[in-house]
Amino acid sequence: MKNLIIALVFFMTNLVLAAAEEEIEISSGKISGITLDSGVRAFLGIPYAAAPVGDLRWKAPEAPIPWRGVKVVDRHGPACIQRRDVYMSEDCLFLDIWTNGQKGKKLPVMVWIHGGGWTFGSNSQDIYDGEAFADNGVVLVSVNYRMNSFGWMAHPELSKESKEGVSGNYGVLDHIAALKWVQENIESFGGDKNNVTIFGESAGGGSIYALLATPQADGLFHKAISESTWIHPNNVTNLKKPNGFQDSAESLGKTAIEKVLGSSDENILTRMRSMSPEEVLGLEHSVALIVDGWLFEEDPIETFLAGKHNNVPLISGYNDGEGLMFVRPANAPSSIQEQRDRRTNQFGNLGEALVSYYVADDPKNIYGKEVDYSSDSVFIRASRELALAGARIGQPDSYLYVFERNPNDPSNRASHFMEVPYVFNNLPAQASSEDKELAKLINDYWVQFAKTGSPNGPDLPAWPAYDLETKRHQVLDVKISQGENDRKDELDLMDIYVRDTYRSAH
């Protein structure tokens, strides 16, 4: 019995020592995570900023509050407040890390920003599990950020209290805070702070667009991947004045607040910050990137046109049938004339030349033209804008892809979000072998790009750079191929239409 007790004490001591060896010290204290069956270590629910509650609601994120002892980070933090039945809290600025590295290893780092229209989603969604990325040689970081009115509220009184004289864009400021945290701490997880790739899809792609456009993010990342970039005229505003598509962000925020709290400005910020999370979520207020003269010095389309964005190697791309997720056949126009009237009202005088591209010439094609319009105007135009910006300033590592695989119906186009499980190499077990091979290939492309700034590497099908002369892109499908000048004429006109509408407001 005595020998058994000694053996148990020795065994338990070794367990404690082993646990102690797994502890990692970061800027706010010590943490310990979990080791997965693959050997990948996961650190889930690390606070990268202080809770944005109370007096910190609608302010730039502040450093996390340090803790004593060892914080066990073995489960995801809550999602940010949203209209979905998920585990959530206003205290939500957490990130997750998956790594196979140890301190000093200097692995490439990839920082994922989830989509969801800046209104829903979180890094805890199973599809965003970073194990495959870590197993493929990078440190994967996934971040939560404020959404809905918590992340995008602008108001004259909020601008007055800000030392920069601005308000809104809190979601983007959260991204920047997370990237600063990465610079300060990622080496403890085996990452290289001088080799950081940001990537995101849909609204996350919109966030990549924003980070490329703001000088406040300069130097915080070294490569970027934007998937299905969610930037369109209705989600970019100007802080102080109308921009040709909608009213100023401050006016929109003030109107939303007045509907709940009345028109009195007395103690307005105190009353705003006393609102319950449910009341803030219920505000009649849309989300939008805000051109404020500080975070964004001008309309981002002008920044990219002039080549003044953060110049890093870039992959941008889209799914060939993005709009299939959003356009229901029952909501399509019932006739060609109704479709023409709809387009004419949407584009107005400045977009007259665009109308014919999105009106069917046969009643059988009406639905397809609605899908084209939704795809191009909401996701594809901005995705190509990024590739063009890189090519325009001679960035040799600028790449464009078109994802065309629809695993549910290979004869149909690929809808929005369909590439994401392939990117994370996280397909369901019942997926076909050819889909699993494509997922492995796309994950390899993304990792190779994070390592070198080019998706090209040994045993990978060659991917041509995007340039102004050929405008070549890689077709991502079970059979890899190349194309060029995809949707060129209509996208060229749509770029002019968007730019001219912004300029007309000035």
Protein backbone atom coordinates (compact mmCIF):
# COMPACT_ATOMS: atom_id res chain seq x y z
CA MET A 1 0.00 0.00 0.00
CA LYS A 2 2.84 2.37 0.90
CA ASN A 3 4.50 1.75 -2.46
CA LEU A 4 1.17 2.35 -4.22
CA ILE A 5 0.76 5.69 -2.46
CA ILE A 6 4.31 6.72 -3.38
CA ALA A 7 3.65 5.73 -6.99
CA LEU A 8 0.41 7.71 -7.08
CA VAL A 9 2.11 10.78 -5.57
CA PHE A 10 4.90 10.49 -8.15
CA PHE A 11 2.34 10.10 -10.97
CA MET A 12 0.26 13.06 -9.79
CA THR A 13 3.39 15.22 -9.40
CA ASN A 14 4.39 14.41 -12.98
CA LEU A 15 0.90 15.39 -14.14
CA VAL A 16 1.21 18.74 -12.35
CA LEU A 17 4.64 19.31 -13.85
CA ALA A 18 3.36 18.39 -17.29
CA ALA A 19 0.50 20.84 -16.89
CA ALA A 20 2.93 23.52 -15.74
CA GLU A 21 5.04 22.94 -18.85
CA GLU A 22 1.94 23.62 -20.97
CA GLU A 23 1.34 27.02 -19.39
CA ILE A 24 1.93 30.01 -21.63
CA GLU A 25 2.56 33.51 -20.41
CA ILE A 26 0.95 36.33 -22.37
CA SER A 27 0.73 40.06 -21.72
CA SER A 28 -2.24 39.77 -19.34
CA GLY A 29 -1.26 36.63 -17.42
CA LYS A 30 -0.71 32.88 -17.68
CA ILE A 31 -3.00 30.54 -19.61
CA SER A 32 -3.32 26.83 -20.28
CA GLY A 33 -5.24 25.23 -23.10
CA ILE A 34 -6.00 21.74 -24.32
CA THR A 35 -4.23 19.20 -26.53
CA LEU A 36 -6.33 17.58 -29.24
CA ASP A 37 -5.99 13.97 -30.37
CA SER A 38 -3.97 15.14 -33.38
CA GLY A 39 -1.42 16.77 -31.08
CA VAL A 40 -2.57 20.28 -32.02
CA ARG A 41 -2.91 22.55 -29.00
CA ALA A 42 -5.97 24.76 -28.74
CA PHE A 43 -6.38 27.85 -26.59
CA LEU A 44 -10.02 28.88 -26.67
CA GLY A 45 -11.58 32.01 -25.23
CA ILE A 46 -8.55 34.24 -24.66
CA PRO A 47 -9.58 37.84 -23.88
CA TYR A 48 -7.76 40.22 -26.23
CA ALA A 49 -9.47 43.35 -24.91
CA ALA A 50 -11.41 44.53 -21.88
CA ALA A 51 -15.14 43.86 -21.81
CA PRO A 52 -16.77 46.62 -23.94
CA VAL A 53 -19.57 47.19 -21.43
CA GLY A 54 -20.76 50.08 -19.27
CA ASP A 55 -18.63 53.14 -19.92
CA LEU A 56 -16.64 51.18 -22.55
CA ARG A 57 -19.68 50.55 -24.73
CA TRP A 58 -19.16 52.42 -28.02
CA LYS A 59 -15.51 53.15 -27.35
CA ALA A 60 -12.32 51.85 -28.89
CA PRO A 61 -11.26 48.58 -27.22
CA GLU A 62 -8.94 48.80 -24.25
CA ALA A 63 -6.32 46.32 -23.03
CA PRO A 64 -7.64 43.26 -21.19
CA ILE A 65 -7.59 43.32 -17.41
CA PRO A 66 -4.67 41.21 -16.13
CA TRP A 67 -5.37 38.18 -13.94
CA ARG A 68 -3.50 36.23 -11.30
CA GLY A 69 -2.76 32.56 -11.46
CA VAL A 70 -3.40 30.45 -14.55
CA LYS A 71 -6.51 31.06 -16.64
CA VAL A 72 -7.76 27.84 -18.21
CA VAL A 73 -8.81 28.62 -21.79
CA ASP A 74 -10.37 25.36 -22.89
CA ARG A 75 -13.68 26.53 -24.33
CA HIS A 76 -14.87 29.22 -26.70
CA GLY A 77 -15.84 32.59 -25.30
CA PRO A 78 -19.38 33.84 -25.86
CA ALA A 79 -20.41 35.22 -29.23
CA CYS A 80 -21.10 38.92 -29.51
CA ILE A 81 -24.73 40.03 -29.20
CA GLN A 82 -26.84 39.00 -32.19
CA ARG A 83 -30.32 37.91 -33.24
CA ARG A 84 -29.54 34.20 -33.09
CA ASP A 85 -30.05 31.66 -30.36
CA VAL A 86 -26.41 31.20 -29.37
CA TYR A 87 -24.31 31.54 -26.23
CA MET A 88 -23.58 35.26 -26.30
CA SER A 89 -22.68 38.27 -24.21
CA GLU A 90 -21.76 41.92 -24.63
CA ASP A 91 -18.49 40.83 -23.02
CA CYS A 92 -17.30 38.99 -26.13
CA LEU A 93 -13.87 40.17 -27.24
CA PHE A 94 -12.19 36.78 -27.20
CA LEU A 95 -9.96 34.94 -29.63
CA ASP A 96 -9.08 31.29 -30.21
CA ILE A 97 -5.72 29.84 -31.21
CA TRP A 98 -4.74 26.48 -32.71
CA THR A 99 -1.04 25.68 -32.98
CA ASN A 100 1.50 22.92 -33.37
CA GLY A 101 4.31 25.32 -32.53
CA GLN A 102 6.34 26.11 -29.46
CA LYS A 103 7.85 29.45 -28.52
CA GLY A 104 10.64 30.37 -30.93
CA LYS A 105 9.42 28.22 -33.82
CA LYS A 106 8.20 31.22 -35.89
CA LEU A 107 5.39 29.58 -37.84
CA PRO A 108 3.26 31.66 -40.23
CA VAL A 109 0.22 33.16 -38.52
CA MET A 110 -3.26 33.34 -40.05
CA VAL A 111 -5.95 35.51 -38.43
CA TRP A 112 -9.53 34.60 -39.38
CA ILE A 113 -12.42 37.11 -39.30
CA HIS A 114 -15.82 35.46 -39.58
CA GLY A 115 -18.70 36.60 -41.75
CA GLY A 116 -22.37 37.13 -41.02
CA GLY A 117 -23.25 40.56 -42.38
CA TRP A 118 -21.62 42.21 -39.33
CA THR A 119 -24.79 41.10 -37.52
CA PHE A 120 -24.33 37.42 -36.60
CA GLY A 121 -21.72 34.67 -36.33
CA SER A 122 -18.79 33.90 -34.04
CA ASN A 123 -15.42 32.18 -34.01
CA SER A 124 -16.97 29.25 -32.11
CA GLN A 125 -18.85 27.91 -35.14
CA ASP A 126 -17.71 24.34 -35.81
CA ILE A 127 -16.97 25.10 -39.46
CA TYR A 128 -14.22 27.53 -38.36
CA ASP A 129 -12.31 24.94 -36.35
CA GLY A 130 -8.63 25.68 -36.92
CA GLU A 131 -7.16 22.22 -36.32
CA ALA A 132 -6.54 21.45 -40.00
CA PHE A 133 -4.73 24.76 -40.48
CA ALA A 134 -2.51 24.13 -37.46
CA ASP A 135 -1.84 20.58 -38.64
CA ASN A 136 -0.78 22.10 -41.97
CA GLY A 137 1.92 24.27 -40.45
CA VAL A 138 0.44 27.63 -39.41
CA VAL A 139 -0.80 29.20 -36.19
CA LEU A 140 -4.51 29.88 -36.69
CA VAL A 141 -6.11 32.74 -34.74
CA SER A 142 -9.87 33.34 -34.91
CA VAL A 143 -11.45 36.46 -33.43
CA ASN A 144 -14.82 37.71 -32.24
CA TYR A 145 -15.77 41.36 -32.76
CA ARG A 146 -18.67 43.66 -31.97
CA MET A 147 -21.58 43.52 -34.40
CA ASN A 148 -24.97 45.15 -34.98
CA SER A 149 -25.37 48.55 -33.29
CA PHE A 150 -22.72 47.58 -30.73
CA GLY A 151 -20.12 47.59 -33.49
CA TRP A 152 -21.41 50.25 -35.88
CA MET A 153 -23.27 52.96 -33.97
CA ALA A 154 -22.30 56.52 -34.88
CA HIS A 155 -23.79 59.50 -33.04
CA PRO A 156 -22.83 63.20 -32.77
CA GLU A 157 -22.33 62.92 -29.00
CA LEU A 158 -20.17 59.82 -29.34
CA SER A 159 -18.04 61.70 -31.86
CA LYS A 160 -17.71 64.66 -29.47
CA GLU A 161 -16.34 62.54 -26.64
CA SER A 162 -13.83 60.79 -28.92
CA LYS A 163 -10.35 62.32 -29.02
CA GLU A 164 -10.35 61.69 -32.79
CA GLY A 165 -13.77 63.31 -33.16
CA VAL A 166 -15.28 60.15 -34.69
CA SER A 167 -17.72 57.37 -33.82
CA GLY A 168 -18.72 53.99 -35.25
CA ASN A 169 -16.43 51.40 -36.84
CA TYR A 170 -15.99 49.70 -33.44
CA GLY A 171 -15.96 46.31 -35.15
CA VAL A 172 -12.96 47.37 -37.24
CA LEU A 173 -11.26 48.81 -34.17
CA ASP A 174 -11.72 45.39 -32.55
CA HIS A 175 -9.94 43.79 -35.51
CA ILE A 176 -7.05 46.21 -35.08
CA ALA A 177 -6.89 45.52 -31.34
CA ALA A 178 -6.77 41.78 -32.03
CA LEU A 179 -3.95 42.27 -34.55
CA LYS A 180 -2.01 44.34 -32.00
CA TRP A 181 -2.54 41.54 -29.48
CA VAL A 182 -1.13 39.10 -32.02
CA GLN A 183 1.95 41.28 -32.49
CA GLU A 184 2.51 41.30 -28.74
CA ASN A 185 1.76 37.67 -27.92
CA ILE A 186 1.81 35.28 -30.85
CA GLU A 187 5.47 34.29 -30.49
CA SER A 188 4.52 32.51 -27.25
CA PHE A 189 2.42 30.14 -29.38
CA GLY A 190 5.17 29.47 -31.93
CA GLY A 191 4.01 32.14 -34.36
CA ASP A 192 6.00 34.68 -36.34
CA LYS A 193 4.70 38.20 -35.68
CA ASN A 194 6.44 39.34 -38.85
CA ASN A 195 4.46 36.93 -41.02
CA VAL A 196 0.76 37.50 -40.34
CA THR A 197 -1.95 36.80 -42.93
CA ILE A 198 -5.45 38.14 -42.36
CA PHE A 199 -8.35 36.37 -44.04
CA GLY A 200 -12.10 36.44 -43.90
CA GLU A 201 -15.26 35.67 -45.84
CA SER A 202 -18.36 37.75 -46.69
CA ALA A 203 -18.59 40.38 -43.92
CA GLY A 204 -15.20 39.04 -42.83
CA GLY A 205 -14.03 39.81 -46.36
CA GLY A 206 -15.52 43.27 -45.91
CA SER A 207 -13.38 43.56 -42.80
CA ILE A 208 -10.29 42.56 -44.79
CA TYR A 209 -11.23 45.29 -47.29
CA ALA A 210 -11.46 47.75 -44.39
CA LEU A 211 -8.11 46.73 -42.90
CA LEU A 212 -6.44 47.10 -46.29
CA ALA A 213 -7.93 50.58 -46.64
CA THR A 214 -7.11 52.08 -43.23
CA PRO A 215 -3.67 53.47 -42.36
CA GLN A 216 -4.38 52.55 -38.73
CA ALA A 217 -3.71 48.89 -39.60
CA ASP A 218 -0.46 49.54 -41.47
CA GLY A 219 2.24 47.08 -40.40
CA LEU A 220 -0.08 44.83 -38.39
CA PHE A 221 -0.34 42.22 -41.15
CA HIS A 222 1.77 41.15 -44.11
CA LYS A 223 -0.61 39.29 -46.44
CA ALA A 224 -4.38 39.23 -46.96
CA ILE A 225 -7.05 36.89 -48.33
CA SER A 226 -10.54 38.24 -48.95
CA GLU A 227 -13.27 35.75 -49.82
CA SER A 228 -16.56 37.07 -51.25
CA THR A 229 -15.87 40.64 -50.18
CA TRP A 230 -19.12 42.02 -48.74
CA ILE A 231 -18.81 45.70 -49.67
CA HIS A 232 -21.53 47.49 -51.61
CA PRO A 233 -23.08 50.99 -51.71
CA ASN A 234 -25.50 50.31 -48.84
CA ASN A 235 -22.86 49.29 -46.30
CA VAL A 236 -20.45 52.21 -46.70
CA THR A 237 -21.46 55.57 -45.23
CA ASN A 238 -19.90 58.94 -44.42
CA LEU A 239 -19.78 60.10 -40.82
CA LYS A 240 -20.98 63.66 -41.30
CA LYS A 241 -22.76 63.89 -44.65
CA PRO A 242 -24.76 61.86 -47.19
CA ASN A 243 -22.60 59.91 -49.62
CA GLY A 244 -24.92 59.58 -52.59
CA PHE A 245 -26.42 56.28 -51.45
CA GLN A 246 -27.61 57.05 -47.93
CA ASP A 247 -27.68 59.62 -45.13
CA SER A 248 -24.72 60.32 -42.85
CA ALA A 249 -23.82 57.74 -40.20
CA GLU A 250 -24.32 60.24 -37.39
CA SER A 251 -27.80 61.11 -38.65
CA LEU A 252 -28.75 57.47 -39.00
CA GLY A 253 -27.54 56.70 -35.49
CA LYS A 254 -29.22 59.75 -33.98
CA THR A 255 -32.53 58.83 -35.59
CA ALA A 256 -32.31 55.27 -34.29
CA ILE A 257 -31.57 56.43 -30.75
CA GLU A 258 -34.31 59.08 -30.76
CA LYS A 259 -36.94 56.46 -31.59
CA VAL A 260 -36.13 54.79 -28.28
CA LEU A 261 -34.86 57.55 -25.98
CA GLY A 262 -36.54 60.64 -27.42
CA SER A 263 -35.00 63.78 -28.89
CA SER A 264 -33.52 65.27 -25.71
CA ASP A 265 -29.71 65.37 -25.66
CA GLU A 266 -29.59 65.69 -21.87
CA ASN A 267 -27.34 62.94 -20.46
CA ILE A 268 -27.76 61.16 -23.77
CA LEU A 269 -24.56 59.11 -23.57
CA THR A 270 -25.36 57.97 -20.03
CA ARG A 271 -28.83 56.94 -21.16
CA MET A 272 -27.46 55.21 -24.25
CA ARG A 273 -25.00 53.22 -22.16
CA SER A 274 -27.76 52.36 -19.70
CA MET A 275 -29.78 50.63 -22.40
CA SER A 276 -30.00 46.88 -22.01
CA PRO A 277 -28.24 44.73 -24.62
CA GLU A 278 -31.68 43.71 -25.87
CA GLU A 279 -32.65 47.35 -26.38
CA VAL A 280 -29.44 48.09 -28.29
CA LEU A 281 -29.93 45.01 -30.45
CA GLY A 282 -33.47 46.14 -31.19
CA LEU A 283 -32.47 49.55 -32.54
CA GLU A 284 -33.62 50.28 -36.08
CA HIS A 285 -30.08 50.81 -37.27
CA SER A 286 -28.14 49.24 -40.13
CA VAL A 287 -24.46 48.32 -40.13
CA ALA A 288 -22.00 50.12 -42.39
CA LEU A 289 -18.35 51.00 -42.77
CA ILE A 290 -18.01 54.70 -41.92
CA VAL A 291 -15.73 57.09 -43.80
CA ASP A 292 -14.77 59.33 -40.88
CA GLY A 293 -11.61 61.16 -41.98
CA TRP A 294 -9.51 59.26 -39.45
CA LEU A 295 -9.87 55.49 -39.72
CA PHE A 296 -10.81 55.98 -43.37
CA GLU A 297 -9.54 59.23 -44.82
CA GLU A 298 -11.68 58.93 -47.96
CA ASP A 299 -14.08 56.53 -49.62
CA PRO A 300 -12.13 53.24 -49.77
CA ILE A 301 -12.86 52.90 -53.48
CA GLU A 302 -10.75 56.05 -54.00
CA THR A 303 -8.00 54.67 -51.76
CA PHE A 304 -7.79 51.47 -53.80
CA LEU A 305 -8.02 53.32 -57.11
CA ALA A 306 -5.09 55.53 -56.13
CA GLY A 307 -3.03 52.62 -54.77
CA LYS A 308 -2.84 54.14 -51.29
CA HIS A 309 -4.01 51.01 -49.48
CA ASN A 310 -1.78 48.79 -47.35
CA ASN A 311 0.25 47.11 -50.06
CA VAL A 312 0.65 43.42 -49.26
CA PRO A 313 0.39 40.19 -51.26
CA LEU A 314 -3.28 39.44 -51.80
CA ILE A 315 -5.67 36.66 -52.76
CA SER A 316 -9.18 37.80 -53.54
CA GLY A 317 -12.05 35.87 -55.00
CA TYR A 318 -15.67 34.87 -55.10
CA ASN A 319 -18.11 32.06 -55.81
CA ASP A 320 -19.63 32.10 -59.27
CA GLY A 321 -23.21 31.97 -57.96
CA GLU A 322 -22.99 34.06 -54.78
CA GLY A 323 -26.55 35.35 -55.11
CA LEU A 324 -28.14 31.90 -55.08
CA MET A 325 -28.27 32.14 -51.28
CA PHE A 326 -30.17 35.43 -51.32
CA VAL A 327 -32.47 35.44 -54.35
CA ARG A 328 -35.53 33.24 -54.04
CA PRO A 329 -37.35 32.29 -57.26
CA ALA A 330 -40.63 33.46 -55.72
CA ASN A 331 -39.16 36.96 -55.25
CA ALA A 332 -37.80 37.29 -58.78
CA PRO A 333 -39.61 39.64 -61.19
CA SER A 334 -42.55 38.05 -62.96
CA SER A 335 -41.67 39.57 -66.34
CA ILE A 336 -38.81 41.07 -68.29
CA GLN A 337 -40.39 44.51 -68.06
CA GLU A 338 -40.70 44.25 -64.28
CA GLN A 339 -37.04 43.27 -64.10
CA ARG A 340 -36.07 46.23 -66.29
CA ASP A 341 -38.10 48.61 -64.11
CA ARG A 342 -36.46 47.19 -61.00
CA ARG A 343 -32.96 47.69 -62.42
CA THR A 344 -33.74 51.22 -63.64
CA ASN A 345 -34.93 52.20 -60.16
CA GLN A 346 -31.91 50.60 -58.51
CA PHE A 347 -29.26 52.16 -60.74
CA GLY A 348 -30.78 55.59 -61.46
CA ASN A 349 -29.32 57.93 -64.05
CA LEU A 350 -25.68 57.26 -63.26
CA GLY A 351 -26.13 53.54 -63.85
CA GLU A 352 -28.15 53.58 -67.07
CA ALA A 353 -25.48 51.71 -68.99
CA LEU A 354 -25.63 48.84 -66.49
CA VAL A 355 -29.32 48.05 -66.79
CA SER A 356 -29.09 45.83 -69.88
CA TYR A 357 -26.52 43.53 -68.23
CA TYR A 358 -28.99 42.55 -65.53
CA VAL A 359 -32.20 42.23 -67.53
CA ALA A 360 -33.08 38.92 -69.18
CA ASP A 361 -33.64 38.56 -72.92
CA ASP A 362 -35.79 35.49 -72.32
CA PRO A 363 -38.32 34.89 -69.50
CA LYS A 364 -36.51 31.63 -68.67
CA ASN A 365 -33.42 33.67 -67.68
CA ILE A 366 -35.10 36.15 -65.32
CA TYR A 367 -34.09 34.31 -62.16
CA GLY A 368 -30.52 33.83 -63.37
CA LYS A 369 -30.19 37.56 -64.05
CA GLU A 370 -31.40 38.32 -60.51
CA VAL A 371 -28.72 36.01 -59.17
CA ASP A 372 -26.13 37.77 -61.36
CA TYR A 373 -27.17 41.19 -60.07
CA SER A 374 -27.07 40.09 -56.44
CA SER A 375 -23.71 38.37 -56.92
CA ASP A 376 -21.98 41.21 -58.77
CA SER A 377 -23.31 44.18 -56.81
CA VAL A 378 -22.94 42.74 -53.31
CA PHE A 379 -19.80 40.58 -53.45
CA ILE A 380 -18.04 40.25 -56.80
CA ARG A 381 -17.43 43.90 -57.71
CA ALA A 382 -15.54 44.57 -54.46
CA SER A 383 -13.64 41.28 -54.67
CA ARG A 384 -12.33 42.22 -58.09
CA GLU A 385 -11.65 45.78 -56.89
CA LEU A 386 -9.06 44.41 -54.47
CA ALA A 387 -7.33 42.34 -57.14
CA LEU A 388 -7.27 45.31 -59.49
CA ALA A 389 -5.79 47.53 -56.76
CA GLY A 390 -2.90 45.14 -56.26
CA ALA A 391 -2.26 44.76 -59.97
CA ARG A 392 -2.53 48.51 -60.56
CA ILE A 393 0.41 49.27 -58.26
CA GLY A 394 2.47 46.40 -59.63
CA GLN A 395 2.03 43.99 -56.71
CA PRO A 396 3.45 40.79 -58.25
CA ASP A 397 1.68 38.64 -55.68
CA SER A 398 -1.92 39.55 -56.45
CA TYR A 399 -4.21 36.60 -57.20
CA LEU A 400 -7.88 36.14 -58.06
CA TYR A 401 -9.96 32.98 -57.82
CA VAL A 402 -13.46 31.94 -58.87
CA PHE A 403 -14.85 29.06 -56.82
CA GLU A 404 -17.23 26.94 -58.92
CA ARG A 405 -17.87 23.77 -56.90
CA ASN A 406 -21.42 23.12 -55.69
CA PRO A 407 -21.22 19.83 -53.75
CA ASN A 408 -25.01 19.63 -53.44
CA ASP A 409 -25.61 20.01 -57.18
CA PRO A 410 -22.44 19.95 -59.32
CA SER A 411 -24.48 21.08 -62.34
CA ASN A 412 -25.37 24.35 -60.58
CA ARG A 413 -23.25 27.34 -59.66
CA ALA A 414 -21.56 27.67 -56.26
CA SER A 415 -23.60 29.71 -53.80
CA HIS A 416 -22.32 32.10 -51.14
CA PHE A 417 -20.26 30.51 -48.31
CA MET A 418 -19.78 27.20 -50.14
CA GLU A 419 -15.99 27.61 -50.29
CA VAL A 420 -15.57 28.02 -46.51
CA PRO A 421 -15.63 24.31 -45.52
CA TYR A 422 -13.05 23.69 -48.26
CA VAL A 423 -10.80 26.50 -47.01
CA PHE A 424 -10.83 25.03 -43.49
CA ASN A 425 -10.51 21.48 -44.87
CA ASN A 426 -13.51 20.72 -42.73
CA LEU A 427 -15.95 18.83 -44.94
CA PRO A 428 -18.44 16.34 -43.49
CA ALA A 429 -17.31 12.73 -43.28
CA GLN A 430 -19.72 11.69 -46.03
CA ALA A 431 -18.23 14.14 -48.56
CA SER A 432 -16.96 12.60 -51.78
CA SER A 433 -13.28 11.81 -52.24
CA GLU A 434 -12.99 14.43 -54.98
CA ASP A 435 -14.44 17.08 -52.67
CA LYS A 436 -12.03 16.08 -49.91
CA GLU A 437 -9.15 16.34 -52.36
CA LEU A 438 -10.30 19.82 -53.38
CA ALA A 439 -10.57 20.86 -49.73
CA LYS A 440 -7.02 19.67 -49.06
CA LEU A 441 -5.80 21.53 -52.14
CA ILE A 442 -7.48 24.83 -51.22
CA ASN A 443 -6.21 24.61 -47.65
CA ASP A 444 -2.74 23.96 -49.06
CA TYR A 445 -3.06 27.00 -51.35
CA TRP A 446 -4.04 29.24 -48.42
CA VAL A 447 -1.23 27.90 -46.21
CA GLN A 448 1.36 28.17 -48.97
CA PHE A 449 0.32 31.78 -49.51
CA ALA A 450 0.65 32.46 -45.77
CA LYS A 451 4.13 30.98 -45.81
CA THR A 452 5.52 32.63 -48.94
CA GLY A 453 3.14 35.29 -50.31
CA SER A 454 2.29 33.07 -53.29
CA PRO A 455 -0.16 30.14 -53.51
CA ASN A 456 2.26 28.40 -55.85
CA GLY A 457 4.39 25.63 -54.45
CA PRO A 458 5.59 22.05 -54.94
CA ASP A 459 2.86 19.63 -56.10
CA LEU A 460 0.26 22.43 -56.34
CA PRO A 461 -1.39 23.28 -59.70
CA ALA A 462 0.11 26.53 -61.01
CA TRP A 463 -1.91 29.65 -60.21
CA PRO A 464 -1.21 32.68 -62.44
CA ALA A 465 -0.85 36.11 -60.92
CA TYR A 466 -3.57 38.65 -61.63
CA ASP A 467 -2.39 41.46 -63.86
CA LEU A 468 -4.01 44.32 -65.75
CA GLU A 469 -3.24 42.89 -69.16
CA THR A 470 -4.71 39.38 -68.93
CA LYS A 471 -6.80 39.57 -65.71
CA ARG A 472 -6.30 35.85 -65.22
CA HIS A 473 -7.93 33.94 -62.38
CA GLN A 474 -7.78 30.44 -60.97
CA VAL A 475 -10.94 28.34 -61.23
CA LEU A 476 -11.28 26.33 -58.02
CA ASP A 477 -13.28 23.18 -58.78
CA VAL A 478 -12.61 19.45 -58.76
CA LYS A 479 -10.76 20.16 -62.00
CA ILE A 480 -8.47 23.17 -61.58
CA SER A 481 -8.30 25.52 -64.56
CA GLN A 482 -7.75 29.17 -65.43
CA GLY A 483 -9.90 31.89 -66.92
CA GLU A 484 -9.57 35.57 -67.67
CA ASN A 485 -11.62 38.77 -67.75
CA ASP A 486 -14.52 37.24 -65.84
CA ARG A 487 -17.59 39.57 -66.02
CA LYS A 488 -15.27 42.32 -67.24
CA ASP A 489 -17.70 44.66 -69.04
CA GLU A 490 -20.40 44.81 -66.38
CA LEU A 491 -17.91 45.04 -63.51
CA ASP A 492 -16.00 47.85 -65.22
CA LEU A 493 -19.26 49.80 -65.55
CA MET A 494 -20.29 48.99 -61.98
CA ASP A 495 -16.97 50.34 -60.67
CA ILE A 496 -17.60 53.59 -62.55
CA TYR A 497 -21.19 53.79 -61.28
CA VAL A 498 -20.22 53.34 -57.62
CA ARG A 499 -17.29 55.74 -57.82
CA ASP A 500 -19.27 58.42 -59.66
CA THR A 501 -22.15 58.20 -57.20
CA TYR A 502 -19.81 58.78 -54.26
CA ARG A 503 -18.14 61.65 -56.09
CA SER A 504 -21.47 63.26 -56.97
CA ALA A 505 -22.23 63.59 -53.26
CA HIS A 506 -19.06 65.61 -52.73
